[in-house]
PDB file of N, CA and C in Angstrom:
ATOM      1  N   MET A   1     108.923 107.130  83.240  1.00  0.00           N
ATOM      2  CA  MET A   1     109.614 107.973  82.287  1.00  0.00           C
ATOM      3  C   MET A   1     110.323 107.122  81.238  1.00  0.00           C
ATOM      4  N   ILE A   2     110.872 106.005  81.712  1.00  0.00           N
ATOM      5  CA  ILE A   2     111.603 105.161  80.766  1.00  0.00           C
ATOM      6  C   ILE A   2     110.655 104.513  79.762  1.00  0.00           C
ATOM      7  N   LYS A   3     109.430 104.186  80.221  1.00  0.00           N
ATOM      8  CA  LYS A   3     108.452 103.612  79.288  1.00  0.00           C
ATOM      9  C   LYS A   3     108.102 104.616  78.197  1.00  0.00           C
ATOM     10  N   PHE A   4     107.992 105.878  78.584  1.00  0.00           N
ATOM     11  CA  PHE A   4     107.677 106.912  77.612  1.00  0.00           C
ATOM     12  C   PHE A   4     108.807 107.075  76.606  1.00  0.00           C
ATOM     13  N   LEU A   5     110.043 107.050  77.076  1.00  0.00           N
ATOM     14  CA  LEU A   5     111.177 107.173  76.156  1.00  0.00           C
ATOM     15  C   LEU A   5     111.257 105.979  75.211  1.00  0.00           C
ATOM     16  N   LEU A   6     111.005 104.787  75.730  1.00  0.00           N
ATOM     17  CA  LEU A   6     110.994 103.608  74.857  1.00  0.00           C
ATOM     18  C   LEU A   6     109.872 103.696  73.827  1.00  0.00           C
ATOM     19  N   TRP A   7     108.720 104.223  74.269  1.00  0.00           N
ATOM     20  CA  TRP A   7     107.614 104.383  73.328  1.00  0.00           C
ATOM     21  C   TRP A   7     107.960 105.406  72.256  1.00  0.00           C
ATOM     22  N   CYS A   8     108.645 106.475  72.623  1.00  0.00           N
ATOM     23  CA  CYS A   8     109.050 107.487  71.635  1.00  0.00           C
ATOM     24  C   CYS A   8     110.006 106.887  70.607  1.00  0.00           C
ATOM     25  N   ILE A   9     110.937 106.064  71.077  1.00  0.00           N
ATOM     26  CA  ILE A   9     111.855 105.405  70.138  1.00  0.00           C
ATOM     27  C   ILE A   9     111.082 104.475  69.217  1.00  0.00           C
ATOM     28  N   LEU A  10     110.143 103.717  69.770  1.00  0.00           N
ATOM     29  CA  LEU A  10     109.321 102.841  68.947  1.00  0.00           C
ATOM     30  C   LEU A  10     108.485 103.648  67.959  1.00  0.00           C
ATOM     31  N   PHE A  11     107.994 104.800  68.393  1.00  0.00           N
ATOM     32  CA  PHE A  11     107.184 105.652  67.515  1.00  0.00           C
ATOM     33  C   PHE A  11     108.003 106.148  66.334  1.00  0.00           C
ATOM     34  N   VAL A  12     109.253 106.477  66.563  1.00  0.00           N
ATOM     35  CA  VAL A  12     110.121 106.945  65.474  1.00  0.00           C
ATOM     36  C   VAL A  12     110.452 105.793  64.524  1.00  0.00           C
ATOM     37  N   MET A  13     110.678 104.608  65.086  1.00  0.00           N
ATOM     38  CA  MET A  13     111.090 103.480  64.252  1.00  0.00           C
ATOM     39  C   MET A  13     109.911 102.847  63.508  1.00  0.00           C
ATOM     40  N   CYS A  14     108.788 102.697  64.173  1.00  0.00           N
ATOM     41  CA  CYS A  14     107.636 102.033  63.562  1.00  0.00           C
ATOM     42  C   CYS A  14     106.367 102.592  64.189  1.00  0.00           C
ATOM     43  N   TRP A  15     105.849 103.674  63.627  1.00  0.00           N
ATOM     44  CA  TRP A  15     104.730 104.360  64.270  1.00  0.00           C
ATOM     45  C   TRP A  15     103.440 103.557  64.316  1.00  0.00           C
ATOM     46  N   PRO A  16     103.111 102.679  63.336  1.00  0.00           N
ATOM     47  CA  PRO A  16     101.870 101.902  63.502  1.00  0.00           C
ATOM     48  C   PRO A  16     101.921 100.958  64.704  1.00  0.00           C
ATOM     49  N   LEU A  17     103.075 100.350  64.924  1.00  0.00           N
ATOM     50  CA  LEU A  17     103.225  99.458  66.066  1.00  0.00           C
ATOM     51  C   LEU A  17     103.150 100.234  67.379  1.00  0.00           C
ATOM     52  N   ALA A  18     103.709 101.426  67.394  1.00  0.00           N
ATOM     53  CA  ALA A  18     103.655 102.254  68.601  1.00  0.00           C
ATOM     54  C   ALA A  18     102.218 102.666  68.908  1.00  0.00           C
ATOM     55  N   LEU A  19     101.449 103.013  67.908  1.00  0.00           N
ATOM     56  CA  LEU A  19     100.053 103.384  68.137  1.00  0.00           C
ATOM     57  C   LEU A  19      99.233 102.182  68.578  1.00  0.00           C
ATOM     58  N   LEU A  20      99.525 101.009  68.016  1.00  0.00           N
ATOM     59  CA  LEU A  20      98.842  99.790  68.442  1.00  0.00           C
ATOM     60  C   LEU A  20      99.171  99.477  69.911  1.00  0.00           C
ATOM     61  N   ALA A  21     100.427  99.647  70.275  1.00  0.00           N
ATOM     62  CA  ALA A  21     100.818  99.419  71.666  1.00  0.00           C
ATOM     63  C   ALA A  21     100.125 100.419  72.592  1.00  0.00           C
ATOM     64  N   LEU A  22      99.979 101.645  72.135  1.00  0.00           N
ATOM     65  CA  LEU A  22      99.320 102.677  72.940  1.00  0.00           C
ATOM     66  C   LEU A  22      97.852 102.350  73.165  1.00  0.00           C
ATOM     67  N   VAL A  23      97.211 101.742  72.183  1.00  0.00           N
ATOM     68  CA  VAL A  23      95.793 101.397  72.302  1.00  0.00           C
ATOM     69  C   VAL A  23      95.611 100.118  73.119  1.00  0.00           C
ATOM     70  N   LEU A  24      96.488  99.131  72.923  1.00  0.00           N
ATOM     71  CA  LEU A  24      96.319  97.836  73.574  1.00  0.00           C
ATOM     72  C   LEU A  24      96.810  97.793  75.016  1.00  0.00           C
ATOM     73  N   TYR A  25      97.684  98.718  75.426  1.00  0.00           N
ATOM     74  CA  TYR A  25      98.249  98.682  76.776  1.00  0.00           C
ATOM     75  C   TYR A  25      97.176  98.745  77.867  1.00  0.00           C
ATOM     76  N   PRO A  26      96.211  99.660  77.798  1.00  0.00           N
ATOM     77  CA  PRO A  26      95.187  99.668  78.859  1.00  0.00           C
ATOM     78  C   PRO A  26      94.316  98.414  78.870  1.00  0.00           C
ATOM     79  N   ILE A  27      94.055  97.848  77.703  1.00  0.00           N
ATOM     80  CA  ILE A  27      93.231  96.637  77.631  1.00  0.00           C
ATOM     81  C   ILE A  27      93.962  95.465  78.278  1.00  0.00           C
ATOM     82  N   VAL A  28      95.232  95.322  77.966  1.00  0.00           N
ATOM     83  CA  VAL A  28      96.034  94.241  78.553  1.00  0.00           C
ATOM     84  C   VAL A  28      96.156  94.446  80.058  1.00  0.00           C
ATOM     85  N   TRP A  29      96.339  95.696  80.487  1.00  0.00           N
ATOM     86  CA  TRP A  29      96.430  95.997  81.917  1.00  0.00           C
ATOM     87  C   TRP A  29      95.156  95.575  82.638  1.00  0.00           C
ATOM     88  N   LEU A  30      93.997  95.856  82.050  1.00  0.00           N
ATOM     89  CA  LEU A  30      92.724  95.464  82.664  1.00  0.00           C
ATOM     90  C   LEU A  30      92.556  93.950  82.691  1.00  0.00           C
ATOM     91  N   LEU A  31      93.014  93.273  81.654  1.00  0.00           N
ATOM     92  CA  LEU A  31      92.899  91.818  81.616  1.00  0.00           C
ATOM     93  C   LEU A  31      93.794  91.140  82.654  1.00  0.00           C
ATOM     94  N   LEU A  32      94.891  91.780  83.044  1.00  0.00           N
ATOM     95  CA  LEU A  32      95.827  91.168  83.983  1.00  0.00           C
ATOM     96  C   LEU A  32      95.483  91.443  85.442  1.00  0.00           C
ATOM     97  N   ILE A  33      94.499  92.281  85.721  1.00  0.00           N
ATOM     98  CA  ILE A  33      94.125  92.598  87.108  1.00  0.00           C
ATOM     99  C   ILE A  33      93.744  91.345  87.912  1.00  0.00           C
ATOM    100  N   PRO A  34      92.931  90.429  87.381  1.00  0.00           N
ATOM    101  CA  PRO A  34      92.608  89.228  88.192  1.00  0.00           C
ATOM    102  C   PRO A  34      93.836  88.406  88.570  1.00  0.00           C
ATOM    103  N   PHE A  35      94.818  88.326  87.682  1.00  0.00           N
ATOM    104  CA  PHE A  35      96.030  87.571  87.996  1.00  0.00           C
ATOM    105  C   PHE A  35      96.822  88.254  89.100  1.00  0.00           C
ATOM    106  N   ARG A  36      96.819  89.593  89.123  1.00  0.00           N
ATOM    107  CA  ARG A  36      97.495  90.310  90.201  1.00  0.00           C
ATOM    108  C   ARG A  36      96.806  90.052  91.531  1.00  0.00           C
ATOM    109  N   ILE A  37      95.483  90.048  91.521  1.00  0.00           N
ATOM    110  CA  ILE A  37      94.728  89.799  92.753  1.00  0.00           C
ATOM    111  C   ILE A  37      95.005  88.392  93.269  1.00  0.00           C
ATOM    112  N   VAL A  38      95.033  87.414  92.365  1.00  0.00           N
ATOM    113  CA  VAL A  38      95.337  86.032  92.767  1.00  0.00           C
ATOM    114  C   VAL A  38      96.758  85.954  93.316  1.00  0.00           C
ATOM    115  N   GLY A  39      97.695  86.659  92.713  1.00  0.00           N
ATOM    116  CA  GLY A  39      99.074  86.664  93.199  1.00  0.00           C
ATOM    117  C   GLY A  39      99.184  87.244  94.591  1.00  0.00           C
ATOM    118  N   ILE A  40      98.454  88.323  94.854  1.00  0.00           N
ATOM    119  CA  ILE A  40      98.470  88.921  96.181  1.00  0.00           C
ATOM    120  C   ILE A  40      97.871  87.954  97.204  1.00  0.00           C
ATOM    121  N   ALA A  41      96.772  87.292  96.832  1.00  0.00           N
ATOM    122  CA  ALA A  41      96.121  86.350  97.748  1.00  0.00           C
ATOM    123  C   ALA A  41      97.028  85.155  98.035  1.00  0.00           C
ATOM    124  N   VAL A  42      97.656  84.613  97.010  1.00  0.00           N
ATOM    125  CA  VAL A  42      98.549  83.463  97.210  1.00  0.00           C
ATOM    126  C   VAL A  42      99.747  83.860  98.067  1.00  0.00           C
ATOM    127  N   GLY A  43     100.294  85.048  97.822  1.00  0.00           N
ATOM    128  CA  GLY A  43     101.409  85.516  98.647  1.00  0.00           C
ATOM    129  C   GLY A  43     101.007  85.665 100.103  1.00  0.00           C
ATOM    130  N   GLY A  44      99.796  86.169 100.348  1.00  0.00           N
ATOM    131  CA  GLY A  44      99.315  86.298 101.723  1.00  0.00           C
ATOM    132  C   GLY A  44      99.133  84.960 102.401  1.00  0.00           C
ATOM    133  N   VAL A  45      98.592  83.998 101.671  1.00  0.00           N
ATOM    134  CA  VAL A  45      98.398  82.658 102.240  1.00  0.00           C
ATOM    135  C   VAL A  45      99.747  82.012 102.547  1.00  0.00           C
ATOM    136  N   LEU A  46     100.713  82.158 101.665  1.00  0.00           N
ATOM    137  CA  LEU A  46     102.045  81.580 101.926  1.00  0.00           C
ATOM    138  C   LEU A  46     102.709  82.241 103.122  1.00  0.00           C
ATOM    139  N   GLU A  47     102.537  83.550 103.282  1.00  0.00           N
ATOM    140  CA  GLU A  47     103.082  84.228 104.466  1.00  0.00           C
ATOM    141  C   GLU A  47     102.408  83.724 105.734  1.00  0.00           C
ATOM    142  N   LEU A  48     101.100  83.506 105.671  1.00  0.00           N
ATOM    143  CA  LEU A  48     100.371  82.983 106.830  1.00  0.00           C
ATOM    144  C   LEU A  48     100.858  81.590 107.199  1.00  0.00           C
ATOM    145  N   VAL A  49     101.023  80.735 106.220  1.00  0.00           N
ATOM    146  CA  VAL A  49     101.486  79.366 106.477  1.00  0.00           C
ATOM    147  C   VAL A  49     102.896  79.385 107.061  1.00  0.00           C
ATOM    148  N   SER A  50     103.782  80.219 106.499  1.00  0.00           N
ATOM    149  CA  SER A  50     105.146  80.270 107.044  1.00  0.00           C
ATOM    150  C   SER A  50     105.145  80.849 108.454  1.00  0.00           C
ATOM    151  N   GLY A  51     104.259  81.798 108.724  1.00  0.00           N
ATOM    152  CA  GLY A  51     104.151  82.327 110.083  1.00  0.00           C
ATOM    153  C   GLY A  51     103.683  81.286 111.062  1.00  0.00           C
ATOM    154  N   ILE A  52     102.741  80.457 110.648  1.00  0.00           N
ATOM    155  CA  ILE A  52     102.244  79.387 111.523  1.00  0.00           C
ATOM    156  C   ILE A  52     103.322  78.327 111.750  1.00  0.00           C
ATOM    157  N   ILE A  53     104.070  78.015 110.704  1.00  0.00           N
ATOM    158  CA  ILE A  53     105.120  76.994 110.828  1.00  0.00           C
ATOM    159  C   ILE A  53     106.246  77.478 111.743  1.00  0.00           C
ATOM    160  N   PHE A  54     106.644  78.749 111.623  1.00  0.00           N
ATOM    161  CA  PHE A  54     107.767  79.261 112.397  1.00  0.00           C
ATOM    162  C   PHE A  54     107.363  79.831 113.749  1.00  0.00           C
ATOM    163  N   LEU A  55     106.082  79.787 114.103  1.00  0.00           N
ATOM    164  CA  LEU A  55     105.645  80.315 115.392  1.00  0.00           C
ATOM    165  C   LEU A  55     106.273  79.601 116.586  1.00  0.00           C
ATOM    166  N   PRO A  56     106.340  78.270 116.603  1.00  0.00           N
ATOM    167  CA  PRO A  56     106.981  77.617 117.764  1.00  0.00           C
ATOM    168  C   PRO A  56     108.452  78.022 117.926  1.00  0.00           C
ATOM    169  N   ALA A  57     109.158  78.173 116.825  1.00  0.00           N
ATOM    170  CA  ALA A  57     110.565  78.569 116.922  1.00  0.00           C
ATOM    171  C   ALA A  57     110.684  79.984 117.465  1.00  0.00           C
ATOM    172  N   ARG A  58     109.803  80.868 117.076  1.00  0.00           N
ATOM    173  CA  ARG A  58     109.831  82.237 117.600  1.00  0.00           C
ATOM    174  C   ARG A  58     109.506  82.252 119.084  1.00  0.00           C
ATOM    175  N   LEU A  59     108.544  81.422 119.497  1.00  0.00           N
ATOM    176  CA  LEU A  59     108.197  81.369 120.910  1.00  0.00           C
ATOM    177  C   LEU A  59     109.364  80.826 121.748  1.00  0.00           C
ATOM    178  N   LEU A  60     110.045  79.786 121.237  1.00  0.00           N
ATOM    179  CA  LEU A  60     111.174  79.224 121.971  1.00  0.00           C
ATOM    180  C   LEU A  60     112.346  80.211 122.009  1.00  0.00           C
ATOM    181  N   ARG A  61     112.553  80.953 120.959  1.00  0.00           N
ATOM    182  CA  ARG A  61     113.626  81.937 120.910  1.00  0.00           C
ATOM    183  C   ARG A  61     113.367  83.093 121.874  1.00  0.00           C
ATOM    184  N   ALA A  62     112.085  83.424 122.083  1.00  0.00           N
ATOM    185  CA  ALA A  62     111.737  84.531 122.966  1.00  0.00           C
ATOM    186  C   ALA A  62     111.941  84.178 124.431  1.00  0.00           C
ATOM    187  N   ILE A  63     111.932  82.902 124.728  1.00  0.00           N
ATOM    188  CA  ILE A  63     112.059  82.477 126.141  1.00  0.00           C
ATOM    189  C   ILE A  63     113.484  82.520 126.591  1.00  0.00           C
TER     190      ILE A  63
END
């Protein structure tokens, strides 16, 4: 909702820029999908590594 309100303000202040933003937003969103996928994969790998590193401490704490 806030994005829509900001776009409305931009449309009132500078309508060509608002229309350009409206057209380019989906294209930029599609271009950024691979970076999101890489971010998710890197986050998963870091969680796996931290889980492996802290596993002995968890096992000792459970005993």
